[in-house]
Protein backbone atom coordinates (compact mmCIF):
# COMPACT_ATOMS: atom_id res chain seq x y z
CA MET A 1 87.32 34.33 109.37
CA THR A 2 90.05 32.79 107.20
CA HIS A 3 89.21 32.68 103.49
CA LEU A 4 90.70 29.63 101.80
CA SER A 5 91.68 29.70 98.15
CA ARG A 6 89.62 27.68 95.70
CA ARG A 7 92.63 25.40 95.28
CA ALA A 8 92.97 24.84 99.03
CA LEU A 9 89.29 24.01 99.32
CA LEU A 10 89.63 21.51 96.49
CA LEU A 11 92.59 19.84 98.17
CA GLN A 12 90.74 19.57 101.46
CA ALA A 13 87.81 17.99 99.65
CA MET A 14 90.14 15.33 98.18
CA ALA A 15 91.24 14.11 101.61
CA PRO A 16 89.10 11.89 103.87
CA GLN A 17 87.25 14.25 106.16
CA SER A 18 87.75 12.13 109.27
CA SER A 19 91.51 11.88 108.76
CA PRO A 20 93.90 14.42 110.31
CA ILE A 21 96.66 16.08 108.32
CA ILE A 22 99.94 16.13 110.26
CA ASP A 23 103.21 17.67 109.10
CA THR A 24 105.85 15.37 110.61
CA HIS A 25 108.88 17.50 109.71
CA LEU A 26 108.78 21.23 110.32
CA GLU A 27 111.91 23.30 110.90
CA VAL A 28 111.42 26.79 112.37
CA TRP A 29 113.86 29.54 113.30
CA SER A 30 113.90 33.09 114.59
CA PHE A 31 116.67 35.70 114.62
CA GLN A 32 115.76 36.36 118.25
CA PHE A 33 117.63 33.15 119.11
CA PRO A 34 121.35 33.09 118.13
CA PHE A 35 122.62 30.60 115.56
CA SER A 36 125.48 28.20 116.29
CA HIS A 37 125.94 25.83 113.32
CA PRO A 38 128.04 22.78 114.32
CA GLU A 39 129.85 22.47 110.96
CA ARG A 40 132.67 24.98 110.67
CA GLY A 41 132.46 27.10 107.57
CA ALA A 42 128.76 26.46 107.08
CA ASN A 43 126.99 29.23 105.21
CA LEU A 44 124.85 31.00 107.76
CA ASN A 45 123.87 33.88 105.51
CA VAL A 46 120.22 33.34 106.43
CA LYS A 47 118.24 36.36 105.28
CA ILE A 48 114.72 35.37 106.25
CA GLU A 49 113.08 34.04 109.38
CA ALA A 50 110.70 31.09 109.51
CA PRO A 51 109.00 31.76 112.85
CA ILE A 52 106.46 29.51 114.50
CA GLU A 53 103.66 32.03 113.93
CA ASN A 54 103.89 31.40 110.16
CA GLN A 55 103.20 27.71 110.66
CA VAL A 56 100.32 28.32 113.04
CA SER A 57 98.74 30.46 110.33
CA GLN A 58 99.30 27.82 107.65
CA MET A 59 97.87 25.08 109.83
CA ARG A 60 94.73 27.12 110.27
CA ASP A 61 94.44 27.95 106.57
CA PHE A 62 94.97 24.38 105.33
CA GLY A 63 93.37 22.38 108.10
CA LEU A 64 96.49 20.74 109.56
CA LYS A 65 95.83 19.32 113.01
CA TYR A 66 99.38 18.90 114.35
CA ALA A 67 103.03 19.23 113.35
CA VAL A 68 106.35 17.83 114.58
CA LEU A 69 108.90 20.57 115.19
CA ILE A 70 112.49 19.73 114.24
CA ASN A 71 115.33 21.93 115.43
CA PRO A 72 117.21 23.21 112.35
CA ARG A 73 120.94 22.78 112.20
CA TYR A 74 121.38 26.56 112.35
CA TYR A 75 121.14 26.30 116.14
CA GLY A 76 123.54 23.43 116.57
CA TRP A 77 122.85 21.62 119.85
CA ASN A 78 120.86 24.52 121.32
CA ASN A 79 117.18 23.57 121.24
CA ASN A 80 115.86 26.62 123.04
CA TYR A 81 113.80 28.06 120.20
CA VAL A 82 111.99 24.78 119.58
CA ALA A 83 111.38 24.49 123.33
CA HIS A 84 110.00 28.05 123.30
CA CYS A 85 107.64 27.19 120.42
CA LEU A 86 106.42 24.03 122.12
CA LYS A 87 105.68 25.95 125.31
CA GLN A 88 103.90 28.68 123.35
CA PHE A 89 101.64 26.31 121.36
CA PRO A 90 101.45 23.03 123.32
CA LYS A 91 98.18 21.93 121.71
CA LEU A 92 99.54 22.05 118.16
CA PHE A 93 103.05 20.62 118.26
CA VAL A 94 105.40 17.95 119.51
CA ALA A 95 109.16 18.56 119.32
CA HIS A 96 112.47 16.97 118.38
CA GLY A 97 115.83 18.55 119.13
CA LEU A 98 119.45 17.99 118.16
CA ILE A 99 122.15 16.62 120.44
CA GLN A 100 125.84 16.10 119.75
CA PRO A 101 126.08 12.40 118.80
CA GLU A 102 129.68 12.06 119.97
CA ASP A 103 129.14 13.73 123.33
CA PRO A 104 130.01 11.17 126.04
CA GLU A 105 126.93 12.44 127.93
CA VAL A 106 124.59 12.06 124.95
CA ALA A 107 122.18 9.71 126.79
CA GLY A 108 121.85 12.22 129.61
CA LYS A 109 121.23 15.05 127.13
CA LEU A 110 118.41 13.04 125.59
CA ARG A 111 116.89 12.46 129.01
CA ASP A 112 117.14 16.14 129.96
CA TRP A 113 115.43 17.47 126.84
CA MET A 114 112.67 14.92 127.07
CA LYS A 115 112.07 15.14 130.82
CA GLU A 116 112.71 18.85 131.39
CA HIS A 117 111.34 20.31 128.16
CA GLY A 118 108.75 17.78 126.99
CA PHE A 119 110.51 16.76 123.77
CA GLN A 120 109.53 13.42 122.25
CA GLY A 121 112.71 12.64 120.38
CA MET A 122 115.86 13.77 118.61
CA ARG A 123 117.19 14.12 115.11
CA PHE A 124 120.61 12.80 114.12
CA SER A 125 122.36 13.71 110.87
CA PRO A 126 125.08 11.22 109.92
CA ILE A 127 124.73 12.63 106.38
CA TYR A 128 127.17 15.33 107.52
CA HIS A 129 129.68 12.68 108.63
CA PRO A 130 129.83 10.27 105.66
CA LYS A 131 132.88 8.37 106.94
CA SER A 132 131.91 8.22 110.59
CA THR A 133 130.89 5.02 112.39
CA TRP A 134 129.35 6.58 115.49
CA LEU A 135 125.83 5.65 114.40
CA ASN A 136 126.11 2.01 115.50
CA SER A 137 129.12 2.18 117.77
CA SER A 138 128.97 0.41 121.13
CA GLU A 139 129.37 3.84 122.73
CA HIS A 140 125.86 4.62 121.46
CA TYR A 141 124.23 1.60 123.10
CA PRO A 142 123.46 3.56 126.33
CA LEU A 143 121.77 6.27 124.22
CA TRP A 144 119.51 3.76 122.52
CA LYS A 145 118.77 1.95 125.79
CA GLU A 146 117.71 5.26 127.32
CA ALA A 147 115.63 6.01 124.22
CA GLU A 148 113.80 2.71 124.66
CA ARG A 149 113.11 3.53 128.30
CA LEU A 150 111.82 7.01 127.42
CA GLN A 151 109.86 5.82 124.35
CA ALA A 152 111.78 8.29 122.21
CA VAL A 153 111.48 8.80 118.47
CA PHE A 154 114.69 9.24 116.45
CA ASN A 155 114.88 10.99 113.07
CA TYR A 156 117.80 10.08 110.83
CA TYR A 157 119.03 12.31 108.04
CA ILE A 158 121.20 9.69 106.48
CA LEU A 159 123.03 8.63 103.32
CA PRO A 160 122.13 5.34 101.58
CA HIS A 161 125.50 3.72 102.33
CA GLN A 162 124.92 4.35 106.07
CA MET A 163 121.68 2.36 106.16
CA PRO A 164 123.32 -0.92 107.28
CA MET A 165 124.53 0.80 110.47
CA LEU A 166 120.98 1.94 111.22
CA GLU A 167 119.70 -1.55 110.40
CA ASP A 168 122.08 -2.90 113.05
CA MET A 169 120.72 -0.55 115.72
CA ALA A 170 117.08 -1.10 114.77
CA GLY A 171 117.64 -4.82 115.31
CA ARG A 172 119.36 -4.32 118.66
CA PHE A 173 116.88 -1.76 120.06
CA PRO A 174 113.38 -2.49 118.71
CA GLY A 175 111.77 -0.17 121.26
CA VAL A 176 113.07 2.96 119.53
CA LYS A 177 110.82 4.41 116.81
CA ILE A 178 112.83 5.54 113.78
CA ILE A 179 111.98 8.00 111.01
CA ILE A 180 114.14 8.02 107.87
CA ASP A 181 114.09 11.62 106.70
CA HIS A 182 113.45 12.74 103.14
CA ALA A 183 113.02 9.37 101.44
CA GLY A 184 116.52 8.22 102.35
CA LYS A 185 118.25 10.82 100.13
CA PRO A 186 118.81 8.90 96.87
CA ASP A 187 121.54 10.58 94.85
CA LEU A 188 119.93 11.41 91.51
CA LYS A 189 123.24 12.81 90.29
CA ALA A 190 124.75 9.33 90.29
CA LYS A 191 124.84 7.29 87.09
CA ASP A 192 122.83 4.57 88.85
CA CYS A 193 121.74 5.35 92.40
CA TRP A 194 119.39 2.38 92.77
CA PRO A 195 121.84 -0.20 94.22
CA GLU A 196 122.72 2.16 97.07
CA PHE A 197 119.14 3.37 97.48
CA ARG A 198 117.83 -0.19 97.85
CA LYS A 199 119.92 -0.66 101.00
CA MET A 200 117.14 1.20 102.80
CA PHE A 201 114.62 -1.47 101.80
CA ARG A 202 116.14 -3.91 104.32
CA LEU A 203 114.62 -1.73 107.06
CA LYS A 204 111.09 -2.68 106.02
CA LYS A 205 111.31 -5.76 108.27
CA PHE A 206 111.21 -3.49 111.33
CA PRO A 207 107.69 -2.33 112.27
CA GLN A 208 109.21 0.54 114.30
CA VAL A 209 110.68 2.18 111.16
CA TRP A 210 108.89 4.73 108.97
CA ILE A 211 110.06 6.51 105.81
CA SER A 212 109.32 10.21 105.39
CA SER A 213 108.07 10.82 101.85
CA SER A 214 109.12 14.44 101.90
CA GLU A 215 111.07 17.20 100.13
CA PRO A 216 110.86 16.22 96.44
CA TYR A 217 112.28 19.65 95.62
CA GLU A 218 115.53 18.74 97.38
CA MET A 219 115.80 15.29 95.77
CA SER A 220 114.95 16.40 92.24
CA GLU A 221 117.56 17.26 89.64
CA LEU A 222 114.90 18.82 87.41
CA LYS A 223 114.16 21.43 90.12
CA ARG A 224 110.72 22.21 88.78
CA TYR A 225 107.28 21.11 89.85
CA PRO A 226 105.97 18.40 89.71
CA TYR A 227 109.47 16.86 90.03
CA GLU A 228 108.79 13.87 87.78
CA ASP A 229 112.29 12.46 88.33
CA THR A 230 111.48 11.78 92.01
CA LEU A 231 108.30 9.80 91.42
CA PRO A 232 109.94 6.38 90.80
CA PHE A 233 111.62 6.65 94.22
CA TYR A 234 108.45 7.54 96.12
CA LYS A 235 106.62 4.76 94.29
CA ALA A 236 109.34 2.23 95.13
CA ILE A 237 109.22 3.21 98.83
CA TYR A 238 105.44 2.81 98.81
CA GLU A 239 105.63 -0.60 97.15
CA GLU A 240 108.43 -1.88 99.40
CA PHE A 241 107.33 -0.57 102.79
CA GLY A 242 103.58 -0.38 102.29
CA PRO A 243 101.33 2.50 103.37
CA ARG A 244 101.61 1.87 107.11
CA GLN A 245 105.33 2.66 107.22
CA LEU A 246 105.15 6.06 105.53
CA VAL A 247 104.77 9.58 106.91
CA TRP A 248 104.62 13.01 105.26
CA GLY A 249 106.31 16.30 106.05
CA THR A 250 107.05 19.61 104.38
CA GLY A 251 110.50 20.42 105.77
CA TYR A 252 109.99 24.17 106.13
CA PRO A 253 107.16 26.62 106.78
CA ARG A 254 106.44 29.83 104.93
CA PRO A 255 108.42 31.75 103.68
CA ARG A 256 111.22 29.32 102.75
CA TRP A 257 108.98 26.84 100.96
CA ASP A 258 110.14 25.66 97.57
CA LEU A 259 106.77 23.94 97.51
CA PRO A 260 103.85 25.96 99.00
CA MET A 261 101.38 24.05 101.13
CA ASP A 262 98.68 23.75 98.47
CA MET A 263 101.23 22.21 96.09
CA GLU A 264 102.64 19.99 98.88
CA LEU A 265 99.19 18.49 99.29
CA GLU A 266 98.58 18.36 95.56
CA PHE A 267 101.84 16.43 95.14
CA VAL A 268 100.55 13.71 97.47
CA ASN A 269 96.92 13.78 96.39
CA ARG A 270 97.30 14.05 92.62
CA ILE A 271 100.89 13.85 91.35
CA CYS A 272 101.65 10.65 93.29
CA ASP A 273 98.74 8.90 91.61
CA PHE A 274 99.98 5.46 92.71
CA TYR A 275 98.72 6.04 96.28
CA ARG A 276 95.26 4.65 97.03
CA PRO A 277 92.90 7.10 98.81
CA ALA A 278 92.95 5.15 102.07
CA ASP A 279 96.74 5.01 101.92
CA ARG A 280 96.97 8.77 101.51
CA ALA A 281 95.07 9.12 104.78
CA LEU A 282 97.68 6.94 106.49
CA LEU A 283 100.56 8.88 104.95
CA LEU A 284 99.14 12.33 105.67
CA GLY A 285 98.30 11.78 109.31
CA GLN A 286 96.98 8.49 110.61
CA ASN A 287 100.41 6.84 110.82
CA ALA A 288 101.78 9.81 112.76
CA LEU A 289 99.18 9.23 115.46
CA ARG A 290 100.82 5.85 116.14
CA ILE A 291 104.29 7.34 116.44
CA TRP A 292 103.98 10.49 118.55
CA ARG A 293 101.90 11.38 121.60
CA PHE A 294 100.00 14.38 120.31
CA PRO A 295 97.91 16.54 122.67
CA SER A 296 94.26 15.55 122.87
């Protein structure tokens, strides 16, 4: 039998018992599968693994029902480890991969990973290409049309100034569900990041768009819990988009957590005291049930 810590039991008691807890952003990796980072010169001095077995253990210990696996950039466009994890634990996970956005066969790659491997979507990272315009180029229309046909979900790791391009595509292809990763990455180093950050708010008019209220440790400039400098941004997202357009995710499993699972849940349940209890249930799991097709 698993023995939960007193803190974990307290956190579970704070959440509505009938509401599932779903981690909508979980990156896993194993040294058994070779890395192939797509950015030349990227630091791949990765000293620890974050294998799927760690997350299965954490889900059991903290009562998480499901998680969405996201292929980390370490593997480039090779999604084999995520496919392996999905096949190994099909009742716990759904999966998103990575595909090369400028590949002329990108629509076919999406179809192959979804049809042949059971993926439910893909993650794109224009944040690594700050001057690129591929996000809403006409060459990407076939990709989005295929995504509508397949009922795919797209994650976007994106800079604030790129939001108008995503707004364009969300308007053209309303059948594609979109997740904005990590609260839209406001730049807290900037003298005033709010004008750029507010560009994301225009996406609230699209019911197929959700914002991931995740990774305060990455956003924060204070770099210490409870990351008070991030709270105005999470509150603004909540007030602008409302509770039905928010999801929650951790980013990484043990052992690479900057924020262990009990503190992840505490951050939502106590530190973000502007959430109403019923809205926390939506954020922590109920909204995810409307986005992905989880196993019954």
